[in-house]
Amino acid sequence: MMEIPLPALTVKRVRSNVCSAADAVTNCNISYVAFEAGCRNHLHIHPSNQILIIEKGYCYYQEEGQSLQKVPVGGVTNVLPGVKHWYDASTKESMIHIAININPKRA
């Protein structure tokens, strides 16, 4: 199993644009998210599913204690509720994904 040590701080930029927000009818938030090359988020969890659809670059994804995954353009990752994980862009190329976060109050 390959584990990449997590940095103390994320020093690169992430840009996020909410395309659709959960409301009385829609059961999820949908966001378009861009990570600069070399950007990594911190180990974190979500209260319900988060689905990532990779649009550009590679998404490096790892759940705590599991093997590192390299998810290509068109690949999909379904992060289950309560699973500690992180994801990032490669050091040489930015990564863009669509994030679908299921509304836990209506799941």
N, C-alpha and C. Protein backbone atom coordinates (compact mmCIF):
# COMPACT_ATOMS: atom_id res chain seq x y z
N MET A 1 0.85 -1.17 0.00
CA MET A 1 0.00 0.00 0.00
C MET A 1 0.89 1.24 0.00
N MET A 2 0.59 2.16 -0.92
CA MET A 2 1.35 3.41 -0.99
C MET A 2 0.60 4.50 -0.26
N GLU A 3 1.23 5.12 0.71
CA GLU A 3 0.62 6.25 1.40
C GLU A 3 1.50 7.46 1.20
N ILE A 4 0.88 8.58 0.87
CA ILE A 4 1.61 9.83 0.70
C ILE A 4 1.43 10.64 1.97
N PRO A 5 2.52 11.09 2.60
CA PRO A 5 2.36 11.88 3.82
C PRO A 5 1.61 13.18 3.55
N LEU A 6 0.71 13.50 4.42
CA LEU A 6 -0.08 14.72 4.26
C LEU A 6 0.70 15.93 4.74
N PRO A 7 0.66 17.03 3.99
CA PRO A 7 1.34 18.24 4.43
C PRO A 7 0.58 18.89 5.58
N ALA A 8 1.26 19.71 6.34
CA ALA A 8 0.61 20.40 7.46
C ALA A 8 -0.44 21.39 6.95
N LEU A 9 -0.18 22.03 5.82
CA LEU A 9 -1.11 23.01 5.28
C LEU A 9 -1.23 22.84 3.77
N THR A 10 -2.39 23.16 3.24
CA THR A 10 -2.56 23.20 1.79
C THR A 10 -2.13 24.59 1.35
N VAL A 11 -1.12 24.67 0.49
CA VAL A 11 -0.58 25.97 0.12
C VAL A 11 -0.98 26.40 -1.29
N LYS A 12 -1.61 25.54 -2.03
CA LYS A 12 -2.06 25.88 -3.38
C LYS A 12 -3.53 26.27 -3.32
N ARG A 13 -4.05 26.73 -4.44
CA ARG A 13 -5.40 27.25 -4.48
C ARG A 13 -6.41 26.23 -5.00
N VAL A 14 -7.60 26.27 -4.40
CA VAL A 14 -8.77 25.52 -4.86
C VAL A 14 -9.85 26.53 -5.16
N ARG A 15 -10.45 26.42 -6.33
CA ARG A 15 -11.57 27.28 -6.69
C ARG A 15 -12.82 26.42 -6.80
N SER A 16 -13.91 26.87 -6.20
CA SER A 16 -15.15 26.11 -6.22
C SER A 16 -16.30 27.01 -6.64
N ASN A 17 -17.14 26.49 -7.51
CA ASN A 17 -18.32 27.21 -7.98
C ASN A 17 -19.53 26.31 -7.77
N VAL A 18 -20.45 26.72 -6.90
CA VAL A 18 -21.66 25.94 -6.67
C VAL A 18 -22.58 26.11 -7.88
N CYS A 19 -22.86 25.01 -8.54
CA CYS A 19 -23.73 25.03 -9.73
C CYS A 19 -25.19 24.87 -9.37
N SER A 20 -25.45 24.10 -8.33
CA SER A 20 -26.81 23.85 -7.88
C SER A 20 -26.78 23.56 -6.39
N ALA A 21 -27.55 24.29 -5.62
CA ALA A 21 -27.59 24.11 -4.17
C ALA A 21 -28.81 23.29 -3.76
N ALA A 22 -28.63 22.48 -2.72
CA ALA A 22 -29.75 21.70 -2.19
C ALA A 22 -30.85 22.65 -1.73
N ASP A 23 -32.07 22.26 -2.01
CA ASP A 23 -33.23 23.05 -1.57
C ASP A 23 -34.38 22.09 -1.26
N ALA A 24 -35.58 22.59 -1.19
CA ALA A 24 -36.74 21.76 -0.85
C ALA A 24 -37.01 20.66 -1.88
N VAL A 25 -36.51 20.83 -3.10
CA VAL A 25 -36.74 19.85 -4.16
C VAL A 25 -35.48 19.04 -4.48
N THR A 26 -34.35 19.73 -4.57
CA THR A 26 -33.10 19.09 -4.97
C THR A 26 -32.38 18.54 -3.74
N ASN A 27 -31.96 17.27 -3.81
CA ASN A 27 -31.40 16.58 -2.66
C ASN A 27 -29.87 16.61 -2.61
N CYS A 28 -29.24 17.55 -3.34
CA CYS A 28 -27.77 17.58 -3.32
C CYS A 28 -27.25 18.95 -3.72
N ASN A 29 -25.98 19.17 -3.36
CA ASN A 29 -25.22 20.32 -3.86
C ASN A 29 -24.34 19.80 -4.98
N ILE A 30 -24.24 20.55 -6.06
CA ILE A 30 -23.36 20.20 -7.16
C ILE A 30 -22.40 21.37 -7.36
N SER A 31 -21.10 21.06 -7.32
CA SER A 31 -20.08 22.10 -7.45
C SER A 31 -19.05 21.70 -8.49
N TYR A 32 -18.49 22.71 -9.14
CA TYR A 32 -17.40 22.55 -10.09
C TYR A 32 -16.16 23.01 -9.35
N VAL A 33 -15.19 22.12 -9.16
CA VAL A 33 -14.05 22.40 -8.28
C VAL A 33 -12.74 22.24 -9.04
N ALA A 34 -11.86 23.24 -8.95
CA ALA A 34 -10.57 23.22 -9.63
C ALA A 34 -9.44 23.29 -8.61
N PHE A 35 -8.54 22.33 -8.66
CA PHE A 35 -7.34 22.29 -7.81
C PHE A 35 -6.15 22.69 -8.66
N GLU A 36 -5.33 23.63 -8.20
CA GLU A 36 -4.08 23.93 -8.88
C GLU A 36 -3.16 22.71 -8.79
N ALA A 37 -2.20 22.61 -9.71
CA ALA A 37 -1.21 21.54 -9.66
C ALA A 37 -0.56 21.51 -8.29
N GLY A 38 -0.45 20.34 -7.71
CA GLY A 38 0.18 20.19 -6.40
C GLY A 38 -0.71 20.47 -5.22
N CYS A 39 -1.95 20.82 -5.45
CA CYS A 39 -2.86 21.16 -4.34
C CYS A 39 -3.47 19.89 -3.75
N ARG A 40 -3.52 19.85 -2.43
CA ARG A 40 -4.12 18.71 -1.72
C ARG A 40 -5.00 19.26 -0.60
N ASN A 41 -6.16 18.62 -0.43
CA ASN A 41 -6.95 19.00 0.74
C ASN A 41 -6.55 18.12 1.92
N HIS A 42 -7.05 18.44 3.08
CA HIS A 42 -6.71 17.72 4.30
C HIS A 42 -7.58 16.49 4.45
N LEU A 43 -7.14 15.57 5.26
CA LEU A 43 -7.93 14.40 5.62
C LEU A 43 -9.22 14.91 6.24
N HIS A 44 -10.36 14.45 5.70
CA HIS A 44 -11.66 14.95 6.18
C HIS A 44 -12.75 13.92 5.95
N ILE A 45 -13.94 14.18 6.48
CA ILE A 45 -15.09 13.29 6.28
C ILE A 45 -16.29 14.13 5.83
N HIS A 46 -17.30 13.44 5.32
CA HIS A 46 -18.58 14.05 4.95
C HIS A 46 -19.70 13.30 5.66
N PRO A 47 -20.80 13.97 6.02
CA PRO A 47 -21.89 13.30 6.72
C PRO A 47 -22.72 12.40 5.81
N SER A 48 -22.58 12.56 4.50
CA SER A 48 -23.27 11.68 3.55
C SER A 48 -22.39 11.53 2.31
N ASN A 49 -22.86 10.80 1.32
CA ASN A 49 -22.05 10.55 0.14
C ASN A 49 -21.55 11.83 -0.52
N GLN A 50 -20.32 11.74 -1.03
CA GLN A 50 -19.78 12.76 -1.92
C GLN A 50 -19.30 12.01 -3.16
N ILE A 51 -19.82 12.39 -4.31
CA ILE A 51 -19.47 11.76 -5.57
C ILE A 51 -18.61 12.73 -6.36
N LEU A 52 -17.43 12.27 -6.78
CA LEU A 52 -16.51 13.09 -7.58
C LEU A 52 -16.46 12.54 -8.99
N ILE A 53 -16.65 13.41 -9.98
CA ILE A 53 -16.53 13.05 -11.39
C ILE A 53 -15.37 13.86 -11.95
N ILE A 54 -14.31 13.18 -12.39
CA ILE A 54 -13.10 13.87 -12.81
C ILE A 54 -13.26 14.39 -14.24
N GLU A 55 -13.02 15.70 -14.39
CA GLU A 55 -13.18 16.38 -15.68
C GLU A 55 -11.87 16.71 -16.36
N LYS A 56 -10.79 16.91 -15.56
CA LYS A 56 -9.49 17.28 -16.13
C LYS A 56 -8.39 16.80 -15.20
N GLY A 57 -7.30 16.31 -15.76
CA GLY A 57 -6.17 15.87 -14.96
C GLY A 57 -6.45 14.54 -14.29
N TYR A 58 -5.66 14.24 -13.27
CA TYR A 58 -5.85 13.05 -12.46
C TYR A 58 -6.20 13.46 -11.05
N CYS A 59 -7.11 12.73 -10.44
CA CYS A 59 -7.43 12.92 -9.03
C CYS A 59 -6.74 11.81 -8.26
N TYR A 60 -5.86 12.19 -7.35
CA TYR A 60 -5.25 11.22 -6.47
C TYR A 60 -6.12 11.19 -5.22
N TYR A 61 -6.65 10.01 -4.92
CA TYR A 61 -7.64 9.86 -3.85
C TYR A 61 -7.18 8.75 -2.92
N GLN A 62 -7.30 9.00 -1.60
CA GLN A 62 -6.95 7.96 -0.65
C GLN A 62 -7.84 8.03 0.57
N GLU A 63 -8.36 6.86 0.95
CA GLU A 63 -9.10 6.73 2.20
C GLU A 63 -8.09 6.33 3.27
N GLU A 64 -8.32 6.76 4.49
CA GLU A 64 -7.41 6.46 5.58
C GLU A 64 -7.19 4.95 5.68
N GLY A 65 -5.90 4.55 5.65
CA GLY A 65 -5.54 3.15 5.79
C GLY A 65 -5.68 2.32 4.52
N GLN A 66 -6.05 2.94 3.40
CA GLN A 66 -6.24 2.22 2.14
C GLN A 66 -5.19 2.64 1.12
N SER A 67 -5.16 1.95 0.00
CA SER A 67 -4.21 2.24 -1.06
C SER A 67 -4.59 3.52 -1.79
N LEU A 68 -3.57 4.21 -2.30
CA LEU A 68 -3.77 5.40 -3.10
C LEU A 68 -4.39 5.01 -4.43
N GLN A 69 -5.38 5.80 -4.89
CA GLN A 69 -6.01 5.58 -6.19
C GLN A 69 -5.70 6.76 -7.10
N LYS A 70 -5.43 6.48 -8.36
CA LYS A 70 -5.22 7.51 -9.37
C LYS A 70 -6.44 7.45 -10.29
N VAL A 71 -7.32 8.44 -10.19
CA VAL A 71 -8.59 8.44 -10.92
C VAL A 71 -8.45 9.33 -12.15
N PRO A 72 -8.63 8.77 -13.36
CA PRO A 72 -8.44 9.54 -14.59
C PRO A 72 -9.67 10.35 -14.98
N VAL A 73 -9.52 11.16 -16.01
CA VAL A 73 -10.66 11.91 -16.57
C VAL A 73 -11.78 10.93 -16.90
N GLY A 74 -12.99 11.29 -16.49
CA GLY A 74 -14.15 10.42 -16.70
C GLY A 74 -14.37 9.44 -15.57
N GLY A 75 -13.39 9.31 -14.68
CA GLY A 75 -13.52 8.41 -13.55
C GLY A 75 -14.43 9.00 -12.48
N VAL A 76 -15.01 8.10 -11.70
CA VAL A 76 -15.95 8.50 -10.65
C VAL A 76 -15.52 7.86 -9.34
N THR A 77 -15.56 8.64 -8.28
CA THR A 77 -15.30 8.13 -6.93
C THR A 77 -16.51 8.44 -6.07
N ASN A 78 -17.03 7.44 -5.38
CA ASN A 78 -18.15 7.63 -4.47
C ASN A 78 -17.62 7.50 -3.05
N VAL A 79 -17.47 8.63 -2.37
CA VAL A 79 -16.95 8.65 -1.01
C VAL A 79 -18.14 8.40 -0.07
N LEU A 80 -18.06 7.35 0.71
CA LEU A 80 -19.17 6.99 1.59
C LEU A 80 -19.18 7.85 2.85
N PRO A 81 -20.34 7.98 3.48
CA PRO A 81 -20.47 8.80 4.69
C PRO A 81 -19.50 8.36 5.78
N GLY A 82 -18.86 9.34 6.42
CA GLY A 82 -18.00 9.07 7.56
C GLY A 82 -16.63 8.50 7.25
N VAL A 83 -16.29 8.32 5.98
CA VAL A 83 -14.99 7.76 5.60
C VAL A 83 -13.96 8.88 5.52
N LYS A 84 -12.88 8.78 6.32
CA LYS A 84 -11.81 9.78 6.27
C LYS A 84 -11.04 9.60 4.97
N HIS A 85 -10.83 10.71 4.27
CA HIS A 85 -10.18 10.65 2.96
C HIS A 85 -9.55 12.00 2.62
N TRP A 86 -8.76 12.01 1.56
CA TRP A 86 -8.24 13.24 0.98
C TRP A 86 -8.12 13.01 -0.51
N TYR A 87 -7.99 14.09 -1.26
CA TYR A 87 -7.73 14.01 -2.70
C TYR A 87 -6.95 15.22 -3.12
N ASP A 88 -6.25 15.06 -4.28
CA ASP A 88 -5.44 16.16 -4.76
C ASP A 88 -5.20 16.06 -6.25
N ALA A 89 -4.55 17.10 -6.77
CA ALA A 89 -4.10 17.13 -8.16
C ALA A 89 -2.66 16.63 -8.18
N SER A 90 -2.18 16.25 -9.36
CA SER A 90 -0.77 15.86 -9.47
C SER A 90 0.09 17.10 -9.27
N THR A 91 1.36 16.89 -9.09
CA THR A 91 2.27 18.02 -8.89
C THR A 91 2.51 18.78 -10.19
N LYS A 92 2.17 18.17 -11.34
CA LYS A 92 2.46 18.79 -12.63
C LYS A 92 1.24 19.28 -13.39
N GLU A 93 0.04 18.91 -12.95
CA GLU A 93 -1.16 19.27 -13.71
C GLU A 93 -2.32 19.56 -12.75
N SER A 94 -3.10 20.56 -13.09
CA SER A 94 -4.28 20.86 -12.29
C SER A 94 -5.31 19.74 -12.44
N MET A 95 -6.28 19.72 -11.55
CA MET A 95 -7.35 18.72 -11.57
C MET A 95 -8.67 19.44 -11.38
N ILE A 96 -9.63 19.10 -12.21
CA ILE A 96 -10.98 19.66 -12.09
C ILE A 96 -11.95 18.50 -11.91
N HIS A 97 -12.86 18.65 -10.96
CA HIS A 97 -13.90 17.63 -10.78
C HIS A 97 -15.24 18.28 -10.48
N ILE A 98 -16.27 17.53 -10.74
CA ILE A 98 -17.62 17.89 -10.33
C ILE A 98 -17.87 17.14 -9.02
N ALA A 99 -18.27 17.87 -7.99
CA ALA A 99 -18.55 17.26 -6.69
C ALA A 99 -20.05 17.29 -6.45
N ILE A 100 -20.61 16.13 -6.17
CA ILE A 100 -22.03 16.01 -5.84
C ILE A 100 -22.09 15.59 -4.38
N ASN A 101 -22.59 16.48 -3.54
CA ASN A 101 -22.72 16.20 -2.12
C ASN A 101 -24.19 16.00 -1.79
N ILE A 102 -24.51 14.78 -1.36
CA ILE A 102 -25.89 14.44 -1.03
C ILE A 102 -26.26 15.15 0.27
N ASN A 103 -27.46 15.73 0.31
CA ASN A 103 -27.95 16.43 1.48
C ASN A 103 -28.29 15.40 2.57
N PRO A 104 -27.53 15.36 3.67
CA PRO A 104 -27.77 14.33 4.68
C PRO A 104 -29.11 14.47 5.37
N LYS A 105 -29.69 15.64 5.37
CA LYS A 105 -30.99 15.83 6.01
C LYS A 105 -32.12 15.23 5.20
N ARG A 106 -31.85 14.96 3.90
CA ARG A 106 -32.88 14.39 3.04
C ARG A 106 -32.46 13.07 2.42
N ALA A 107 -31.29 12.56 2.78
CA ALA A 107 -30.78 11.32 2.16
C ALA A 107 -31.66 10.13 2.48
